[in-house]
C-alpha atoms as a PDB file:
ATOM      1  CA  MET A   1     124.959  14.322 165.169  1.00  0.00           C
ATOM      2  CA  ALA A   2     125.713  16.220 168.359  1.00  0.00           C
ATOM      3  CA  ASP A   3     123.288  18.736 169.697  1.00  0.00           C
ATOM      4  CA  LEU A   4     124.590  22.276 169.422  1.00  0.00           C
ATOM      5  CA  THR A   5     124.077  25.041 171.944  1.00  0.00           C
ATOM      6  CA  GLN A   6     122.261  28.194 170.839  1.00  0.00           C
ATOM      7  CA  ARG A   7     125.561  30.049 170.928  1.00  0.00           C
ATOM      8  CA  GLN A   8     127.252  27.482 168.713  1.00  0.00           C
ATOM      9  CA  ILE A   9     124.336  27.578 166.320  1.00  0.00           C
ATOM     10  CA  LYS A  10     124.575  31.344 166.062  1.00  0.00           C
ATOM     11  CA  ILE A  11     128.352  31.181 165.456  1.00  0.00           C
ATOM     12  CA  LEU A  12     127.987  28.459 162.842  1.00  0.00           C
ATOM     13  CA  LYS A  13     125.360  30.486 160.994  1.00  0.00           C
ATOM     14  CA  CYS A  14     127.620  33.562 160.961  1.00  0.00           C
ATOM     15  CA  VAL A  15     130.629  31.531 159.777  1.00  0.00           C
ATOM     16  CA  VAL A  16     128.630  29.909 156.926  1.00  0.00           C
ATOM     17  CA  GLU A  17     127.118  33.191 155.722  1.00  0.00           C
ATOM     18  CA  GLU A  18     130.447  35.003 155.821  1.00  0.00           C
ATOM     19  CA  PHE A  19     132.109  32.127 153.989  1.00  0.00           C
ATOM     20  CA  ILE A  20     129.404  32.108 151.327  1.00  0.00           C
ATOM     21  CA  GLU A  21     130.026  35.804 150.690  1.00  0.00           C
ATOM     22  CA  THR A  22     133.822  35.786 150.760  1.00  0.00           C
ATOM     23  CA  ALA A  23     134.971  32.235 149.879  1.00  0.00           C
ATOM     24  CA  GLU A  24     137.560  32.663 152.607  1.00  0.00           C
ATOM     25  CA  ALA A  25     138.062  31.036 155.988  1.00  0.00           C
ATOM     26  CA  VAL A  26     136.552  33.141 158.783  1.00  0.00           C
ATOM     27  CA  GLY A  27     138.401  34.239 161.914  1.00  0.00           C
ATOM     28  CA  SER A  28     137.040  35.013 165.361  1.00  0.00           C
ATOM     29  CA  GLU A  29     138.037  38.676 165.036  1.00  0.00           C
ATOM     30  CA  THR A  30     135.926  39.031 161.918  1.00  0.00           C
ATOM     31  CA  LEU A  31     132.926  37.498 163.697  1.00  0.00           C
ATOM     32  CA  GLU A  32     133.411  39.784 166.713  1.00  0.00           C
ATOM     33  CA  LYS A  33     133.645  42.943 164.588  1.00  0.00           C
ATOM     34  CA  LYS A  34     130.949  42.162 161.992  1.00  0.00           C
ATOM     35  CA  PHE A  35     128.284  40.340 163.999  1.00  0.00           C
ATOM     36  CA  SER A  36     126.655  41.269 167.267  1.00  0.00           C
ATOM     37  CA  LEU A  37     127.369  38.061 169.105  1.00  0.00           C
ATOM     38  CA  GLY A  38     127.760  39.654 172.531  1.00  0.00           C
ATOM     39  CA  ILE A  39     130.800  37.542 173.413  1.00  0.00           C
ATOM     40  CA  SER A  40     134.592  38.046 173.316  1.00  0.00           C
ATOM     41  CA  SER A  41     136.892  36.983 170.512  1.00  0.00           C
ATOM     42  CA  ALA A  42     138.436  34.390 172.844  1.00  0.00           C
ATOM     43  CA  THR A  43     135.063  32.833 173.548  1.00  0.00           C
ATOM     44  CA  ILE A  44     134.280  32.775 169.822  1.00  0.00           C
ATOM     45  CA  ARG A  45     137.592  30.996 169.170  1.00  0.00           C
ATOM     46  CA  ASN A  46     136.799  28.384 171.808  1.00  0.00           C
ATOM     47  CA  GLU A  47     133.372  27.744 170.334  1.00  0.00           C
ATOM     48  CA  MET A  48     134.807  27.540 166.820  1.00  0.00           C
ATOM     49  CA  ALA A  49     137.308  24.958 168.122  1.00  0.00           C
ATOM     50  CA  SER A  50     134.418  22.962 169.552  1.00  0.00           C
ATOM     51  CA  LEU A  51     132.517  23.163 166.263  1.00  0.00           C
ATOM     52  CA  THR A  52     135.629  21.954 164.537  1.00  0.00           C
ATOM     53  CA  GLN A  53     135.908  18.929 166.825  1.00  0.00           C
ATOM     54  CA  LEU A  54     132.255  18.167 166.188  1.00  0.00           C
ATOM     55  CA  GLY A  55     132.811  18.194 162.444  1.00  0.00           C
ATOM     56  CA  TYR A  56     130.911  21.360 161.466  1.00  0.00           C
ATOM     57  CA  LEU A  57     133.981  23.520 160.772  1.00  0.00           C
ATOM     58  CA  LYS A  58     137.515  22.932 159.495  1.00  0.00           C
ATOM     59  CA  LYS A  59     140.711  24.897 159.573  1.00  0.00           C
ATOM     60  CA  GLY A  60     141.493  27.102 156.588  1.00  0.00           C
ATOM     61  CA  HIS A  61     144.337  26.107 154.326  1.00  0.00           C
ATOM     62  CA  THR A  62     146.083  29.473 154.231  1.00  0.00           C
ATOM     63  CA  SER A  63     144.852  31.216 157.403  1.00  0.00           C
ATOM     64  CA  ALA A  64     143.988  30.616 161.045  1.00  0.00           C
ATOM     65  CA  GLY A  65     140.296  31.014 160.252  1.00  0.00           C
ATOM     66  CA  ARG A  66     137.690  28.297 159.884  1.00  0.00           C
ATOM     67  CA  ALA A  67     135.447  27.269 157.030  1.00  0.00           C
ATOM     68  CA  PRO A  68     132.285  25.114 157.166  1.00  0.00           C
ATOM     69  CA  THR A  69     132.544  21.450 156.298  1.00  0.00           C
ATOM     70  CA  SER A  70     129.950  19.663 154.142  1.00  0.00           C
ATOM     71  CA  MET A  71     128.227  18.718 157.373  1.00  0.00           C
ATOM     72  CA  GLY A  72     128.233  22.344 158.527  1.00  0.00           C
ATOM     73  CA  LEU A  73     126.807  23.569 155.223  1.00  0.00           C
ATOM     74  CA  LYS A  74     124.064  20.926 155.288  1.00  0.00           C
ATOM     75  CA  TYR A  75     123.140  21.842 158.854  1.00  0.00           C
ATOM     76  CA  TYR A  76     122.883  25.466 157.828  1.00  0.00           C
ATOM     77  CA  VAL A  77     120.736  24.786 154.777  1.00  0.00           C
ATOM     78  CA  LYS A  78     118.392  22.407 156.506  1.00  0.00           C
ATOM     79  CA  ASN A  79     118.048  24.234 159.850  1.00  0.00           C
ATOM     80  CA  LEU A  80     119.234  27.859 159.726  1.00  0.00           C
ATOM     81  CA  MET A  81     118.733  29.242 156.235  1.00  0.00           C
ATOM     82  CA  THR A  82     115.838  31.535 155.470  1.00  0.00           C
ATOM     83  CA  PRO A  83     114.917  31.115 151.737  1.00  0.00           C
ATOM     84  CA  LYS A  84     114.226  34.290 149.760  1.00  0.00           C
ATOM     85  CA  PRO A  85     111.372  33.524 147.332  1.00  0.00           C
ATOM     86  CA  LEU A  86     111.376  35.002 143.861  1.00  0.00           C
ATOM     87  CA  SER A  87     109.680  38.328 143.507  1.00  0.00           C
ATOM     88  CA  LEU A  88     106.475  38.438 141.484  1.00  0.00           C
ATOM     89  CA  SER A  89     108.327  40.289 138.677  1.00  0.00           C
ATOM     90  CA  ASP A  90     111.030  37.602 138.626  1.00  0.00           C
ATOM     91  CA  GLU A  91     108.416  34.844 138.436  1.00  0.00           C
ATOM     92  CA  ILE A  92     106.611  36.600 135.581  1.00  0.00           C
ATOM     93  CA  GLY A  93     109.847  37.257 133.737  1.00  0.00           C
ATOM     94  CA  ALA A  94     110.928  33.604 134.023  1.00  0.00           C
ATOM     95  CA  LYS A  95     107.579  32.364 132.813  1.00  0.00           C
ATOM     96  CA  GLU A  96     107.617  34.755 129.843  1.00  0.00           C
ATOM     97  CA  LYS A  97     111.008  33.352 128.720  1.00  0.00           C
ATOM     98  CA  VAL A  98     109.683  29.810 128.406  1.00  0.00           C
ATOM     99  CA  TRP A  99     105.957  30.366 127.735  1.00  0.00           C
ATOM    100  CA  ASP A 100     106.114  29.977 123.938  1.00  0.00           C
ATOM    101  CA  TYR A 101     107.621  26.490 124.334  1.00  0.00           C
ATOM    102  CA  ARG A 102     104.967  25.080 126.655  1.00  0.00           C
ATOM    103  CA  ASN A 103     103.593  22.724 123.977  1.00  0.00           C
ATOM    104  CA  GLU A 104     107.035  21.412 122.941  1.00  0.00           C
ATOM    105  CA  PHE A 105     108.393  19.616 125.972  1.00  0.00           C
ATOM    106  CA  ASP A 106     112.057  19.170 124.897  1.00  0.00           C
ATOM    107  CA  SER A 107     112.275  22.846 123.886  1.00  0.00           C
ATOM    108  CA  LEU A 108     110.604  23.887 127.126  1.00  0.00           C
ATOM    109  CA  LEU A 109     113.077  21.892 129.191  1.00  0.00           C
ATOM    110  CA  LYS A 110     116.015  23.271 127.168  1.00  0.00           C
ATOM    111  CA  MET A 111     114.889  26.906 127.572  1.00  0.00           C
ATOM    112  CA  ALA A 112     114.121  26.440 131.260  1.00  0.00           C
ATOM    113  CA  THR A 113     117.639  24.977 131.834  1.00  0.00           C
ATOM    114  CA  ARG A 114     119.178  27.926 130.002  1.00  0.00           C
ATOM    115  CA  GLU A 115     117.128  30.470 131.984  1.00  0.00           C
ATOM    116  CA  LEU A 116     117.932  28.807 135.311  1.00  0.00           C
ATOM    117  CA  SER A 117     121.623  28.997 134.498  1.00  0.00           C
ATOM    118  CA  GLN A 118     121.455  32.672 133.503  1.00  0.00           C
ATOM    119  CA  ARG A 119     119.534  33.617 136.663  1.00  0.00           C
ATOM    120  CA  THR A 120     121.757  31.701 139.085  1.00  0.00           C
ATOM    121  CA  ARG A 121     125.057  32.216 137.240  1.00  0.00           C
ATOM    122  CA  MET A 122     125.731  28.515 137.698  1.00  0.00           C
ATOM    123  CA  LEU A 123     125.892  25.387 135.577  1.00  0.00           C
ATOM    124  CA  ALA A 124     122.280  24.244 135.116  1.00  0.00           C
ATOM    125  CA  ILE A 125     121.485  20.579 134.552  1.00  0.00           C
ATOM    126  CA  SER A 126     118.237  18.847 133.630  1.00  0.00           C
ATOM    127  CA  THR A 127     117.311  15.273 132.693  1.00  0.00           C
ATOM    128  CA  ASN A 128     114.378  13.833 130.825  1.00  0.00           C
ATOM    129  CA  ASP A 129     112.747  10.389 130.646  1.00  0.00           C
ATOM    130  CA  ASN A 130     114.771   9.486 127.558  1.00  0.00           C
ATOM    131  CA  ASN A 131     117.912   9.316 129.672  1.00  0.00           C
ATOM    132  CA  GLU A 132     119.220  12.513 128.171  1.00  0.00           C
ATOM    133  CA  VAL A 133     121.017  15.239 130.092  1.00  0.00           C
ATOM    134  CA  MET A 134     120.842  18.901 129.154  1.00  0.00           C
ATOM    135  CA  THR A 135     123.385  21.408 130.490  1.00  0.00           C
ATOM    136  CA  TYR A 136     123.884  25.118 130.135  1.00  0.00           C
ATOM    137  CA  GLY A 137     126.264  27.712 131.574  1.00  0.00           C
ATOM    138  CA  ALA A 138     129.504  25.866 132.325  1.00  0.00           C
ATOM    139  CA  SER A 139     131.353  29.128 131.724  1.00  0.00           C
ATOM    140  CA  HIS A 140     129.659  30.658 134.759  1.00  0.00           C
ATOM    141  CA  LEU A 141     131.659  28.341 137.010  1.00  0.00           C
ATOM    142  CA  LEU A 142     134.862  30.138 135.980  1.00  0.00           C
ATOM    143  CA  GLU A 143     133.618  33.216 137.802  1.00  0.00           C
ATOM    144  CA  GLU A 144     133.922  31.349 141.173  1.00  0.00           C
ATOM    145  CA  PRO A 145     137.310  31.019 142.936  1.00  0.00           C
ATOM    146  CA  GLU A 146     136.792  27.301 143.630  1.00  0.00           C
ATOM    147  CA  PHE A 147     137.026  26.662 139.894  1.00  0.00           C
ATOM    148  CA  TYR A 148     140.310  28.472 139.480  1.00  0.00           C
ATOM    149  CA  ASN A 149     141.631  25.019 140.473  1.00  0.00           C
ATOM    150  CA  ILE A 150     142.159  23.301 137.110  1.00  0.00           C
ATOM    151  CA  ASP A 151     141.533  19.808 138.530  1.00  0.00           C
ATOM    152  CA  VAL A 152     138.088  20.832 139.839  1.00  0.00           C
ATOM    153  CA  THR A 153     137.159  22.476 136.539  1.00  0.00           C
ATOM    154  CA  LYS A 154     138.421  19.625 134.374  1.00  0.00           C
ATOM    155  CA  THR A 155     136.475  17.146 136.478  1.00  0.00           C
ATOM    156  CA  ILE A 156     133.222  19.068 136.133  1.00  0.00           C
ATOM    157  CA  LEU A 157     133.632  19.633 132.424  1.00  0.00           C
ATOM    158  CA  ALA A 158     134.371  15.934 131.879  1.00  0.00           C
ATOM    159  CA  LEU A 159     131.186  14.996 133.741  1.00  0.00           C
ATOM    160  CA  ILE A 160     128.987  17.232 131.581  1.00  0.00           C
ATOM    161  CA  ASP A 161     128.981  14.596 128.857  1.00  0.00           C
ATOM    162  CA  ASN A 162     128.798  11.672 131.304  1.00  0.00           C
ATOM    163  CA  GLU A 163     125.074  11.078 131.346  1.00  0.00           C
ATOM    164  CA  ASN A 164     125.342   7.986 133.498  1.00  0.00           C
ATOM    165  CA  PHE A 165     126.960   9.993 136.298  1.00  0.00           C
ATOM    166  CA  TRP A 166     124.028  12.362 136.718  1.00  0.00           C
ATOM    167  CA  PHE A 167     121.453   9.569 136.656  1.00  0.00           C
ATOM    168  CA  GLU A 168     123.453   7.691 139.259  1.00  0.00           C
ATOM    169  CA  VAL A 169     124.114  10.669 141.479  1.00  0.00           C
ATOM    170  CA  VAL A 170     120.461  11.601 141.829  1.00  0.00           C
ATOM    171  CA  LYS A 171     119.861   8.127 143.304  1.00  0.00           C
ATOM    172  CA  ARG A 172     121.893   9.267 146.281  1.00  0.00           C
ATOM    173  CA  ILE A 173     119.039  11.236 147.805  1.00  0.00           C
ATOM    174  CA  GLY A 174     120.808  13.842 149.893  1.00  0.00           C
ATOM    175  CA  PRO A 175     119.414  16.015 152.661  1.00  0.00           C
ATOM    176  CA  VAL A 176     116.148  17.590 151.612  1.00  0.00           C
ATOM    177  CA  ILE A 177     115.286  21.294 152.022  1.00  0.00           C
ATOM    178  CA  ASP A 178     111.662  21.982 152.876  1.00  0.00           C
ATOM    179  CA  THR A 179     110.404  24.746 150.611  1.00  0.00           C
ATOM    180  CA  GLY A 180     106.782  24.571 151.752  1.00  0.00           C
ATOM    181  CA  ASP A 181     104.970  22.397 149.259  1.00  0.00           C
ATOM    182  CA  ASP A 182     108.026  20.550 147.951  1.00  0.00           C
ATOM    183  CA  THR A 183     111.515  19.398 148.845  1.00  0.00           C
ATOM    184  CA  VAL A 184     114.752  20.256 147.123  1.00  0.00           C
ATOM    185  CA  HIS A 185     117.656  17.835 147.233  1.00  0.00           C
ATOM    186  CA  LEU A 186     121.201  18.805 148.164  1.00  0.00           C
ATOM    187  CA  LEU A 187     124.491  16.955 147.568  1.00  0.00           C
ATOM    188  CA  ILE A 188     127.783  18.471 148.739  1.00  0.00           C
ATOM    189  CA  GLY A 189     131.398  17.436 148.390  1.00  0.00           C
ATOM    190  CA  GLU A 190     131.846  13.776 149.203  1.00  0.00           C
ATOM    191  CA  ASP A 191     128.197  13.086 148.394  1.00  0.00           C
ATOM    192  CA  LEU A 192     129.110  13.434 144.706  1.00  0.00           C
ATOM    193  CA  GLY A 193     131.538  10.507 145.047  1.00  0.00           C
ATOM    194  CA  ILE A 194     134.221  11.960 142.757  1.00  0.00           C
ATOM    195  CA  GLU A 195     137.750  13.192 143.582  1.00  0.00           C
ATOM    196  CA  HIS A 196     138.259  16.918 143.202  1.00  0.00           C
ATOM    197  CA  LEU A 197     134.553  17.716 143.786  1.00  0.00           C
ATOM    198  CA  GLU A 198     134.930  18.289 147.516  1.00  0.00           C
ATOM    199  CA  LEU A 199     134.362  22.022 146.953  1.00  0.00           C
ATOM    200  CA  CYS A 200     131.267  21.545 144.785  1.00  0.00           C
ATOM    201  CA  GLY A 201     127.537  21.381 145.460  1.00  0.00           C
ATOM    202  CA  PHE A 202     124.534  20.043 143.516  1.00  0.00           C
ATOM    203  CA  ILE A 203     121.001  21.270 144.169  1.00  0.00           C
ATOM    204  CA  TYR A 204     118.123  19.678 142.293  1.00  0.00           C
ATOM    205  CA  GLN A 205     114.377  19.255 142.275  1.00  0.00           C
ATOM    206  CA  THR A 206     112.297  16.655 140.509  1.00  0.00           C
ATOM    207  CA  TYR A 207     109.500  17.447 138.047  1.00  0.00           C
ATOM    208  CA  GLU A 208     106.542  15.512 136.778  1.00  0.00           C
ATOM    209  CA  ALA A 209     105.171  16.937 133.531  1.00  0.00           C
ATOM    210  CA  GLY A 210     102.467  14.679 132.125  1.00  0.00           C
ATOM    211  CA  PRO A 211     104.297  11.540 130.986  1.00  0.00           C
ATOM    212  CA  HIS A 212     107.671  13.216 131.509  1.00  0.00           C
ATOM    213  CA  ARG A 213     109.850  12.738 134.600  1.00  0.00           C
ATOM    214  CA  GLY A 214     113.244  14.191 135.439  1.00  0.00           C
ATOM    215  CA  ILE A 215     115.240  16.641 137.510  1.00  0.00           C
ATOM    216  CA  MET A 216     116.160  20.298 137.219  1.00  0.00           C
ATOM    217  CA  GLY A 217     119.145  21.602 139.149  1.00  0.00           C
ATOM    218  CA  ILE A 218     122.376  23.524 139.366  1.00  0.00           C
ATOM    219  CA  VAL A 219     126.016  22.721 140.062  1.00  0.00           C
ATOM    220  CA  GLY A 220     128.303  25.292 141.651  1.00  0.00           C
ATOM    221  CA  PRO A 221     130.630  25.779 144.567  1.00  0.00           C
ATOM    222  CA  ALA A 222     129.636  24.172 147.866  1.00  0.00           C
ATOM    223  CA  ARG A 223     129.098  27.731 149.195  1.00  0.00           C
ATOM    224  CA  ILE A 224     126.224  28.316 146.771  1.00  0.00           C
ATOM    225  CA  ARG A 225     124.013  31.259 147.787  1.00  0.00           C
ATOM    226  CA  TYR A 226     121.430  28.889 149.080  1.00  0.00           C
ATOM    227  CA  GLN A 227     118.911  31.529 150.184  1.00  0.00           C
ATOM    228  CA  THR A 228     118.200  32.586 146.602  1.00  0.00           C
ATOM    229  CA  VAL A 229     119.293  29.558 144.575  1.00  0.00           C
ATOM    230  CA  VAL A 230     117.152  26.955 146.349  1.00  0.00           C
ATOM    231  CA  PRO A 231     113.887  28.842 145.692  1.00  0.00           C
ATOM    232  CA  MET A 232     115.015  29.426 142.081  1.00  0.00           C
ATOM    233  CA  VAL A 233     115.619  25.698 141.446  1.00  0.00           C
ATOM    234  CA  ASP A 234     112.289  24.871 143.087  1.00  0.00           C
ATOM    235  CA  TYR A 235     110.448  27.417 140.993  1.00  0.00           C
ATOM    236  CA  PHE A 236     111.781  26.252 137.655  1.00  0.00           C
ATOM    237  CA  ALA A 237     111.073  22.596 138.368  1.00  0.00           C
ATOM    238  CA  ASP A 238     107.552  23.568 139.424  1.00  0.00           C
ATOM    239  CA  LEU A 239     107.203  25.713 136.285  1.00  0.00           C
ATOM    240  CA  ILE A 240     108.073  22.746 134.070  1.00  0.00           C
ATOM    241  CA  THR A 241     105.467  20.657 135.899  1.00  0.00           C
ATOM    242  CA  LYS A 242     102.721  23.210 135.596  1.00  0.00           C
ATOM    243  CA  LEU A 243     103.272  24.302 131.990  1.00  0.00           C
ATOM    244  CA  SER A 244     103.317  20.763 130.691  1.00  0.00           C
ATOM    245  CA  ARG A 245     100.092  19.509 132.239  1.00  0.00           C
END
């Protein structure tokens, strides 16, 4: 992986964050107007062209702008993103939702999966040590433009019932995101190994709850709002671990 200059890093960060918000390729004029980069639109275009050659950006399908590649998104998440931890009230609210199930592990895992989906507005997935997969919130994906593509949506929906896929995919340990005490795993696009999932991302964390082992995670577009979703996934996996001791 080539070393990036500080200017390229700043431009990449802006492109990724704008793309996450808009789901659209980003042009140099947008960056010049919206962000205080201190350089001309022409210079921004040249740097974006360099980032494209290096594999961090790609040309948009319907515009002259650029969008981050899987490599660009991973670089952002691992090196540039600033996680936004849950507020104390959010932590308390999440714990209250699952507290009554703390002595019934399967029910606890089911409720935590449901709550994670509702809070992230993504498809939440969890596994247990009985080789079972729990999912909740597939309908949330239809709110994201990436899933207006029927092939993408059909592929994800078909995989929901394919338990072997999820157990196999978590063996492909992707880039890890340092969250302080733990690491969260990230798989994007080609990491998932399935056609039509190039625009998708999978974030998950492992849990160890007494004799129980598994993962807790979410599936959504590759441009997941990583700053808030990564801490959320990490929190719920940690919550399962702590409540089941």
